[in-house]
Amino acid sequence: MHSFRYVGRELHCEGVAVSALVKKHGTPLYVYSQATLSDHFTKLDQAMAPLDHLVCFAMKSNSNLAVIRTLAGLGSGFDTVSAGELARTIAAGGDPAKCVFAGVGKTEEEIAYALKQGIYSFNVESEAELKRISAVAVRLKKIAPVAVRVNPNVDAGTHAKITTGTYENKFGIAFEDIEKVYARAAKLPNIRLRGLQMHIGSQLTAIEPFRKAVEKVAPLVQRLSVRHGFDFFSIGGGIGIVYQDALASGDATWWKRPEAAGILTPERYAAELVPLLKPLGLKILLEPGRFLSGNAGVLVTRVEYIKRTGKKNFVIVDAAMNDLIRPAFYDSYHEIVPLQKKGGALVSSDVVGPVCESGDYFAKDRPLAKVGEGDHLALMSAGAYGSVMASNYNSRPIAAEVLVNGKRSALVRRRQELEEIWGPETVAPWQSR
């Protein structure tokens, strides 16, 4: 469910015409719906209500301060993977005591910073990291709360670049080794073994991988909790969203039969997992990212040229792979719609950007409404892993971002000025003129 829909022939985000935002802020432009963020968080939070739980937004999916503030206001915790993400969370009003710190390569400086901020727990990825956290905690005279990440060796059946729960991935500690690791960790000074964590992958639209992982790991959690006095079990994130025909999915008739559209709803997720988790008697942490932010955002772009060759109709737009890299990186699908609904026959088109790479595309051989120079297109479901993965490749500025709340809108990230791209750089002393 999301809050992007046509009103008459005009695409709206909640109560605001997207074309009005383009007129004010230009393109490329990210537009986020606060109502969608709130709706998705609330649905998941309510579905898990039978359990003592904490939803920790995986802010790697979207780290805009306004997005973080929206979710913090709803009581969300945050899943962070760097000191920068933790600092962003705090700057936006998030509570560090509701933050977990994940990632396989935490530096001593990051560990010290997180301990000083009083985070809820570290999600630990290796024994070497456990020893480093212990040493830093001893030096700072603090107790470090930790949860070791177990790798359950469950194939999530998702894209190879976003699966994380098998032994071929860099994440976590093998299921067979985890009890011995906890036994050794219990002897480390200034370490508090607070729980266990797992995460098997992203963009999962079926319940079976989640159920298999929880069924496999729950007995392990039970044993370890008795030995070490756990507070929580984190089951990670990974709930998938609709990408194909995401605009149509905003219709209420679609929401009555979500499974038919290949969607795993919070209600179905909870119905399957709550009975498996409740007997543990622990706080359950969830770490969703894409599920909360993905359908809450679009990337708007202007058509610059139409180029027809003997075999192709190229729609050349002003957004590029540096603005939204998912299609180039993952071969990902994003629904593409015009800001003004058009009639007539569809035209098979490649939607491409201006960057000098063959991989700079958003769609290939896609049936699209006939558009021309000056028209605008919206790339749907771009609220996750969109702007947050942007770069300055080809010295292109980072796009602006807008948040919509009902009939109100606000610029929540201004467009980067050209001079800011090379602002931190300088020539060497011997190159001075």
Protein backbone atom coordinates (compact mmCIF):
# COMPACT_ATOMS: atom_id res chain seq x y z
CA MET A 1 0.00 0.00 0.00
CA HIS A 2 1.28 3.48 -0.77
CA SER A 3 0.10 7.03 -1.26
CA PHE A 4 1.01 7.66 -4.91
CA ARG A 5 -2.02 7.71 -7.23
CA TYR A 6 -3.52 9.51 -10.16
CA VAL A 7 -6.07 12.19 -9.37
CA GLY A 8 -7.70 12.78 -12.72
CA ARG A 9 -4.72 12.62 -15.05
CA GLU A 10 -2.14 13.99 -12.56
CA LEU A 11 0.12 11.80 -10.43
CA HIS A 12 -0.15 12.83 -6.78
CA CYS A 13 1.84 12.02 -3.67
CA GLU A 14 -0.80 12.13 -0.95
CA GLY A 15 -2.51 15.51 -1.51
CA VAL A 16 0.21 17.13 -3.62
CA ALA A 17 0.58 17.01 -7.42
CA VAL A 18 4.06 15.70 -8.19
CA SER A 19 4.28 18.12 -11.14
CA ALA A 20 3.99 21.02 -8.68
CA LEU A 21 7.01 19.67 -6.78
CA VAL A 22 8.96 19.39 -10.03
CA LYS A 23 8.10 22.97 -10.94
CA LYS A 24 9.41 24.14 -7.58
CA HIS A 25 12.45 21.91 -7.11
CA GLY A 26 13.45 20.61 -10.54
CA THR A 27 14.69 17.14 -11.45
CA PRO A 28 16.04 14.60 -10.76
CA LEU A 29 13.91 14.67 -7.61
CA TYR A 30 13.15 12.13 -4.91
CA VAL A 31 9.67 12.44 -3.41
CA TYR A 32 8.75 10.63 -0.17
CA SER A 33 5.34 10.03 1.36
CA GLN A 34 5.24 10.42 5.15
CA ALA A 35 1.84 8.68 5.25
CA THR A 36 3.28 5.58 3.57
CA LEU A 37 6.21 5.42 5.99
CA SER A 38 3.85 5.74 8.94
CA ASP A 39 1.34 3.25 7.53
CA HIS A 40 3.92 0.54 6.89
CA PHE A 41 5.58 0.96 10.29
CA THR A 42 2.25 0.91 12.11
CA LYS A 43 1.00 -2.20 10.28
CA LEU A 44 4.13 -4.16 11.12
CA ASP A 45 4.28 -2.87 14.69
CA GLN A 46 0.64 -3.79 15.31
CA ALA A 47 0.99 -7.20 13.69
CA MET A 48 3.81 -8.06 16.11
CA ALA A 49 1.90 -6.67 19.12
CA PRO A 50 1.42 -10.12 20.76
CA LEU A 51 5.17 -10.10 21.40
CA ASP A 52 7.42 -7.80 23.38
CA HIS A 53 9.20 -6.38 20.35
CA LEU A 54 11.14 -3.51 18.84
CA VAL A 55 11.13 -2.55 15.17
CA CYS A 56 14.58 -1.24 14.22
CA PHE A 57 14.50 0.50 10.83
CA ALA A 58 17.45 -0.53 8.67
CA MET A 59 18.52 2.97 7.79
CA LYS A 60 20.93 1.75 5.11
CA SER A 61 17.77 1.66 2.97
CA ASN A 62 17.10 5.39 3.41
CA SER A 63 19.04 7.63 5.77
CA ASN A 64 17.37 10.99 5.09
CA LEU A 65 16.95 12.87 8.39
CA ALA A 66 13.24 13.52 7.73
CA VAL A 67 12.61 9.82 7.14
CA ILE A 68 14.44 8.94 10.36
CA ARG A 69 12.52 11.61 12.29
CA THR A 70 9.20 10.27 10.98
CA LEU A 71 9.96 6.76 12.20
CA ALA A 72 11.55 7.87 15.48
CA GLY A 73 8.32 9.74 16.23
CA LEU A 74 6.46 6.44 15.89
CA GLY A 75 8.73 4.74 18.42
CA SER A 76 11.06 3.02 15.98
CA GLY A 77 14.51 1.83 16.83
CA PHE A 78 17.27 1.78 14.20
CA ASP A 79 19.62 -0.74 12.66
CA THR A 80 22.89 1.06 11.93
CA VAL A 81 26.05 -0.17 10.21
CA SER A 82 28.50 2.69 10.77
CA ALA A 83 29.33 5.48 13.18
CA GLY A 84 27.95 7.83 10.54
CA GLU A 85 24.56 6.13 10.52
CA LEU A 86 24.42 6.15 14.32
CA ALA A 87 25.33 9.84 14.39
CA ARG A 88 22.66 10.55 11.74
CA THR A 89 20.08 8.76 13.85
CA ILE A 90 20.92 10.81 16.91
CA ALA A 91 20.94 14.05 14.86
CA ALA A 92 17.43 13.23 13.63
CA GLY A 93 16.10 12.58 17.12
CA GLY A 94 16.46 8.82 17.27
CA ASP A 95 17.23 7.15 20.59
CA PRO A 96 20.64 5.41 20.65
CA ALA A 97 19.29 3.11 23.37
CA LYS A 98 17.00 1.71 20.65
CA CYS A 99 19.83 1.24 18.14
CA VAL A 100 21.71 -1.87 17.13
CA PHE A 101 25.11 -1.63 15.45
CA ALA A 102 25.69 -4.21 12.69
CA GLY A 103 28.35 -4.78 10.02
CA VAL A 104 31.34 -7.03 9.55
CA GLY A 105 34.10 -4.41 9.77
CA LYS A 106 33.55 -2.22 12.84
CA THR A 107 36.62 -0.10 13.65
CA GLU A 108 37.88 0.60 17.17
CA GLU A 109 36.77 4.21 16.78
CA GLU A 110 33.24 3.14 15.78
CA ILE A 111 32.98 0.68 18.67
CA ALA A 112 34.10 3.35 21.14
CA TYR A 113 31.64 5.87 19.74
CA ALA A 114 28.74 3.40 19.94
CA LEU A 115 29.60 2.47 23.53
CA LYS A 116 29.73 6.12 24.56
CA GLN A 117 26.31 6.71 22.99
CA GLY A 118 24.77 3.80 24.95
CA ILE A 119 23.48 1.64 22.10
CA TYR A 120 21.13 -1.27 22.71
CA SER A 121 23.47 -3.91 21.29
CA PHE A 122 26.23 -4.73 18.84
CA ASN A 123 25.39 -7.39 16.26
CA VAL A 124 28.71 -9.22 16.22
CA GLU A 125 29.95 -10.97 13.07
CA SER A 126 33.15 -12.75 14.19
CA GLU A 127 35.21 -13.84 17.19
CA ALA A 128 37.87 -11.31 16.27
CA GLU A 129 35.24 -8.60 16.57
CA LEU A 130 34.14 -9.92 19.98
CA LYS A 131 37.71 -9.60 21.24
CA ARG A 132 38.03 -6.09 19.82
CA ILE A 133 34.77 -4.95 21.43
CA SER A 134 35.91 -6.43 24.75
CA ALA A 135 39.27 -4.60 24.57
CA VAL A 136 37.62 -1.27 23.75
CA ALA A 137 35.05 -1.74 26.51
CA VAL A 138 37.79 -2.49 29.05
CA ARG A 139 39.69 0.63 28.01
CA LEU A 140 36.55 2.77 28.35
CA LYS A 141 35.46 1.00 31.56
CA LYS A 142 32.10 0.16 30.01
CA ILE A 143 30.06 -3.01 29.59
CA ALA A 144 29.43 -3.81 25.93
CA PRO A 145 26.05 -5.39 25.09
CA VAL A 146 26.43 -7.90 22.25
CA ALA A 147 24.46 -10.39 20.20
CA VAL A 148 26.36 -12.73 17.93
CA ARG A 149 24.96 -13.08 14.42
CA VAL A 150 24.27 -16.69 13.60
CA ASN A 151 24.37 -17.82 9.99
CA PRO A 152 21.56 -20.41 9.79
CA ASN A 153 22.60 -21.60 6.30
CA VAL A 154 19.08 -21.06 4.97
CA ASP A 155 18.80 -20.04 1.33
CA ALA A 156 16.46 -17.06 1.11
CA GLY A 157 15.84 -17.64 -2.59
CA THR A 158 16.50 -13.98 -3.39
CA HIS A 159 19.04 -12.15 -5.59
CA ALA A 160 22.60 -13.41 -5.09
CA LYS A 161 23.81 -9.93 -4.08
CA ILE A 162 21.26 -9.57 -1.26
CA THR A 163 21.21 -13.06 0.21
CA THR A 164 23.10 -13.14 3.53
CA GLY A 165 22.17 -16.36 5.35
CA THR A 166 24.28 -19.10 3.71
CA TYR A 167 27.85 -20.20 4.33
CA GLU A 168 28.95 -18.64 1.04
CA ASN A 169 28.23 -15.16 2.47
CA LYS A 170 30.55 -13.03 4.58
CA PHE A 171 28.02 -12.55 7.37
CA GLY A 172 27.72 -14.19 10.76
CA ILE A 173 29.06 -17.34 12.40
CA ALA A 174 28.16 -20.86 11.29
CA PHE A 175 25.19 -22.41 13.07
CA GLU A 176 27.27 -25.42 14.15
CA ASP A 177 29.90 -23.21 15.82
CA ILE A 178 27.72 -20.69 17.59
CA GLU A 179 27.41 -22.38 21.01
CA LYS A 180 31.18 -22.75 21.34
CA VAL A 181 31.62 -19.12 20.35
CA TYR A 182 29.20 -18.02 23.07
CA ALA A 183 31.03 -20.17 25.62
CA ARG A 184 34.31 -18.44 24.78
CA ALA A 185 32.65 -15.01 24.61
CA ALA A 186 31.27 -15.48 28.14
CA LYS A 187 34.86 -15.45 29.42
CA LEU A 188 35.74 -12.11 27.82
CA PRO A 189 35.87 -9.11 30.16
CA ASN A 190 33.32 -6.30 29.93
CA ILE A 191 31.03 -8.22 27.56
CA ARG A 192 27.33 -8.73 28.22
CA LEU A 193 25.81 -11.50 26.09
CA ARG A 194 22.44 -9.89 25.55
CA GLY A 195 20.94 -11.94 22.74
CA LEU A 196 21.28 -13.63 19.36
CA GLN A 197 20.79 -12.14 15.89
CA MET A 198 20.18 -13.46 12.39
CA HIS A 199 19.29 -12.05 8.98
CA ILE A 200 18.93 -14.28 5.91
CA GLY A 201 18.53 -11.74 3.09
CA SER A 202 16.47 -8.97 1.50
CA GLN A 203 13.41 -8.70 -0.73
CA LEU A 204 11.79 -11.95 0.42
CA THR A 205 8.17 -12.21 -0.74
CA ALA A 206 7.43 -15.69 0.62
CA ILE A 207 7.11 -16.74 4.26
CA GLU A 208 8.86 -20.10 3.93
CA PRO A 209 12.50 -18.89 4.29
CA PHE A 210 11.60 -16.87 7.39
CA ARG A 211 9.75 -19.81 8.94
CA LYS A 212 12.56 -22.26 8.16
CA ALA A 213 15.16 -19.95 9.70
CA VAL A 214 13.15 -19.29 12.88
CA GLU A 215 12.29 -22.98 13.29
CA LYS A 216 15.97 -23.87 12.99
CA VAL A 217 17.34 -21.13 15.25
CA ALA A 218 14.64 -20.91 17.98
CA PRO A 219 15.81 -24.06 19.87
CA LEU A 220 19.37 -22.68 19.79
CA VAL A 221 18.14 -19.38 21.23
CA GLN A 222 16.31 -21.30 23.97
CA ARG A 223 19.47 -23.16 25.01
CA LEU A 224 21.72 -20.13 24.90
CA SER A 225 19.22 -17.98 26.77
CA VAL A 226 19.19 -20.43 29.68
CA ARG A 227 22.99 -20.38 29.84
CA HIS A 228 23.62 -16.69 29.32
CA GLY A 229 20.47 -14.84 30.38
CA PHE A 230 19.39 -13.33 27.07
CA ASP A 231 17.12 -10.31 26.74
CA PHE A 232 16.31 -10.58 23.04
CA PHE A 233 16.34 -12.48 19.78
CA SER A 234 16.67 -10.46 16.56
CA ILE A 235 15.15 -12.11 13.51
CA GLY A 236 16.53 -9.46 11.13
CA GLY A 237 14.64 -7.93 8.25
CA GLY A 238 14.08 -8.83 4.62
CA ILE A 239 10.33 -8.48 4.05
CA GLY A 240 9.90 -7.72 0.34
CA ILE A 241 7.74 -5.19 -1.45
CA VAL A 242 5.92 -4.77 -4.77
CA TYR A 243 8.12 -3.34 -7.51
CA GLN A 244 6.21 -4.40 -10.59
CA ASP A 245 3.06 -2.33 -11.07
CA ALA A 246 3.57 -0.62 -7.71
CA LEU A 247 1.29 2.25 -8.68
CA ALA A 248 -1.59 -0.12 -9.34
CA SER A 249 -0.86 -1.78 -6.01
CA GLY A 250 -1.89 1.39 -4.23
CA ASP A 251 -5.48 0.61 -5.12
CA ALA A 252 -7.60 -0.66 -2.22
CA THR A 253 -8.93 -3.57 -4.30
CA TRP A 254 -5.39 -4.92 -4.65
CA TRP A 255 -4.86 -4.81 -0.89
CA LYS A 256 -7.76 -7.25 -0.35
CA ARG A 257 -5.78 -10.01 -2.08
CA PRO A 258 -2.10 -9.17 -1.51
CA GLU A 259 -0.83 -12.75 -1.77
CA ALA A 260 -2.16 -12.89 -5.34
CA ALA A 261 0.20 -10.03 -6.16
CA GLY A 262 3.16 -11.85 -4.60
CA ILE A 263 3.21 -9.80 -1.41
CA LEU A 264 4.06 -10.95 2.11
CA THR A 265 1.86 -8.85 4.39
CA PRO A 266 2.72 -7.99 8.01
CA GLU A 267 -0.34 -9.97 9.08
CA ARG A 268 0.79 -13.14 7.30
CA TYR A 269 4.35 -12.65 8.52
CA ALA A 270 3.18 -12.33 12.13
CA ALA A 271 0.66 -15.16 11.91
CA GLU A 272 3.43 -17.59 10.92
CA LEU A 273 6.23 -16.36 13.18
CA VAL A 274 4.58 -15.17 16.40
CA PRO A 275 3.60 -18.72 17.51
CA LEU A 276 7.21 -19.83 17.00
CA LEU A 277 8.69 -16.86 18.86
CA LYS A 278 6.31 -16.40 21.79
CA PRO A 279 7.47 -19.49 23.76
CA LEU A 280 10.98 -18.01 23.93
CA GLY A 281 9.77 -15.30 26.33
CA LEU A 282 12.25 -12.79 24.89
CA LYS A 283 12.02 -9.36 23.29
CA ILE A 284 11.95 -9.85 19.54
CA LEU A 285 13.82 -7.36 17.35
CA LEU A 286 12.98 -6.84 13.69
CA GLU A 287 15.22 -4.93 11.27
CA PRO A 288 13.11 -4.01 8.21
CA GLY A 289 14.32 -1.38 5.77
CA ARG A 290 12.89 -1.75 2.28
CA PHE A 291 9.47 -2.79 3.66
CA LEU A 292 9.09 0.57 5.42
CA SER A 293 10.71 2.92 2.90
CA GLY A 294 10.67 1.25 -0.53
CA ASN A 295 7.15 2.04 -1.74
CA ALA A 296 7.24 5.36 0.14
CA GLY A 297 9.40 7.08 -2.48
CA VAL A 298 9.68 7.82 -6.20
CA LEU A 299 12.40 9.30 -8.37
CA VAL A 300 11.11 11.91 -10.83
CA THR A 301 13.05 12.57 -14.01
CA ARG A 302 12.67 14.76 -17.11
CA VAL A 303 12.71 13.39 -20.65
CA GLU A 304 15.55 15.17 -22.46
CA TYR A 305 15.53 13.41 -25.82
CA ILE A 306 13.82 10.68 -27.81
CA LYS A 307 16.32 8.78 -29.94
CA ARG A 308 15.11 6.22 -32.46
CA THR A 309 17.47 3.74 -34.09
CA GLY A 310 16.69 0.90 -36.43
CA LYS A 311 15.99 -1.39 -33.48
CA LYS A 312 15.33 0.78 -30.42
CA ASN A 313 13.30 3.68 -29.08
CA PHE A 314 15.49 5.35 -26.47
CA VAL A 315 13.90 7.64 -23.89
CA ILE A 316 16.86 9.65 -22.60
CA VAL A 317 16.20 11.21 -19.17
CA ASP A 318 18.10 13.51 -16.81
CA ALA A 319 18.35 10.96 -13.98
CA ALA A 320 21.13 8.39 -14.17
CA MET A 321 22.63 5.35 -12.54
CA ASN A 322 24.41 7.65 -10.08
CA ASP A 323 20.94 8.70 -8.81
CA LEU A 324 19.38 5.21 -8.73
CA ILE A 325 21.80 2.35 -9.23
CA ARG A 326 19.49 -0.61 -8.57
CA PRO A 327 18.66 -1.40 -12.23
CA ALA A 328 22.33 -1.30 -13.23
CA PHE A 329 23.56 -3.12 -10.12
CA TYR A 330 20.84 -5.73 -9.56
CA ASP A 331 18.95 -5.72 -12.90
CA SER A 332 16.07 -4.49 -10.75
CA TYR A 333 12.63 -3.60 -12.04
CA HIS A 334 11.03 -0.25 -11.23
CA GLU A 335 7.62 0.61 -12.62
CA ILE A 336 7.86 3.80 -14.73
CA VAL A 337 4.83 6.06 -15.20
CA PRO A 338 4.29 9.56 -16.64
CA LEU A 339 3.32 12.38 -14.29
CA GLN A 340 0.40 13.11 -16.63
CA LYS A 341 -1.52 9.96 -17.53
CA LYS A 342 -1.53 9.39 -21.28
CA GLY A 343 -3.74 7.38 -23.60
CA GLY A 344 -2.88 5.68 -26.86
CA ALA A 345 -0.74 2.70 -27.78
CA LEU A 346 2.31 1.79 -25.71
CA VAL A 347 5.78 2.03 -27.24
CA SER A 348 8.55 -0.48 -26.51
CA SER A 349 11.29 1.72 -25.06
CA ASP A 350 14.65 1.74 -23.33
CA VAL A 351 14.73 4.38 -20.59
CA VAL A 352 18.35 5.48 -20.23
CA GLY A 353 20.36 8.16 -18.46
CA PRO A 354 23.15 10.51 -19.61
CA VAL A 355 26.06 8.75 -17.88
CA CYS A 356 28.68 7.29 -20.24
CA GLU A 357 28.04 3.65 -19.35
CA SER A 358 26.00 1.05 -21.23
CA GLY A 359 24.67 -0.01 -17.83
CA ASP A 360 23.11 3.42 -17.28
CA TYR A 361 19.50 2.40 -17.81
CA PHE A 362 16.22 2.12 -15.90
CA ALA A 363 14.29 -0.12 -18.27
CA LYS A 364 14.88 -2.10 -21.44
CA ASP A 365 12.25 -2.97 -24.04
CA ARG A 366 9.56 -1.69 -21.66
CA PRO A 367 6.07 -0.93 -23.05
CA LEU A 368 5.59 2.72 -22.07
CA ALA A 369 3.18 5.51 -22.86
CA LYS A 370 4.47 7.65 -25.72
CA VAL A 371 6.38 10.57 -24.24
CA GLY A 372 8.35 13.45 -25.67
CA GLU A 373 10.99 15.99 -24.72
CA GLY A 374 9.98 17.92 -21.60
CA ASP A 375 7.66 15.24 -20.24
CA HIS A 376 8.33 13.84 -16.79
CA LEU A 377 8.43 10.24 -15.58
CA ALA A 378 8.24 8.77 -12.08
CA LEU A 379 10.31 5.72 -11.21
CA MET A 380 8.19 4.03 -8.58
CA SER A 381 9.29 2.24 -5.42
CA ALA A 382 12.54 4.19 -5.21
CA GLY A 383 12.36 4.99 -1.49
CA ALA A 384 14.83 2.23 -0.55
CA TYR A 385 18.40 1.96 -1.81
CA GLY A 386 17.85 5.00 -4.01
CA SER A 387 19.32 8.32 -2.94
CA VAL A 388 21.21 6.59 -0.14
CA MET A 389 23.33 4.75 -2.76
CA ALA A 390 23.82 7.82 -4.96
CA SER A 391 27.26 8.99 -6.09
CA ASN A 392 28.92 11.88 -7.89
CA TYR A 393 29.97 9.73 -10.84
CA ASN A 394 30.54 11.91 -13.92
CA SER A 395 30.64 14.83 -11.43
CA ARG A 396 26.85 14.82 -11.22
CA PRO A 397 25.24 16.53 -8.20
CA ILE A 398 23.24 14.50 -5.67
CA ALA A 399 19.51 14.93 -6.35
CA ALA A 400 17.13 16.92 -4.15
CA GLU A 401 14.66 15.17 -1.83
CA VAL A 402 11.16 16.24 -0.76
CA LEU A 403 8.89 14.92 1.98
CA VAL A 404 5.10 15.16 1.58
CA ASN A 405 2.66 15.11 4.48
CA GLY A 406 -0.96 15.45 3.35
CA LYS A 407 -1.14 18.69 1.38
CA ARG A 408 2.16 19.95 2.75
CA SER A 409 5.62 19.42 1.30
CA ALA A 410 9.12 20.33 2.37
CA LEU A 411 12.56 20.19 0.79
CA VAL A 412 14.43 17.80 3.09
CA ARG A 413 17.63 17.68 1.05
CA ARG A 414 18.61 20.51 -1.26
CA ARG A 415 20.19 19.73 -4.59
CA GLN A 416 23.97 19.60 -4.34
CA GLU A 417 25.79 22.54 -5.89
CA LEU A 418 28.46 21.72 -8.47
CA GLU A 419 31.24 23.33 -6.43
CA GLU A 420 30.36 21.12 -3.45
CA ILE A 421 31.34 18.03 -5.44
CA TRP A 422 35.03 18.96 -5.47
CA GLY A 423 34.91 21.15 -2.35
CA PRO A 424 36.96 18.74 -0.18
CA GLU A 425 39.64 18.40 -2.87
CA THR A 426 42.73 20.48 -3.54
CA VAL A 427 45.70 20.46 -5.87
CA ALA A 428 49.10 19.38 -4.56
CA PRO A 429 51.46 22.17 -3.33
CA TRP A 430 53.79 21.71 -6.29
CA GLN A 431 50.87 22.26 -8.71
CA SER A 432 50.14 25.79 -7.56
CA ARG A 433 50.04 28.40 -10.29
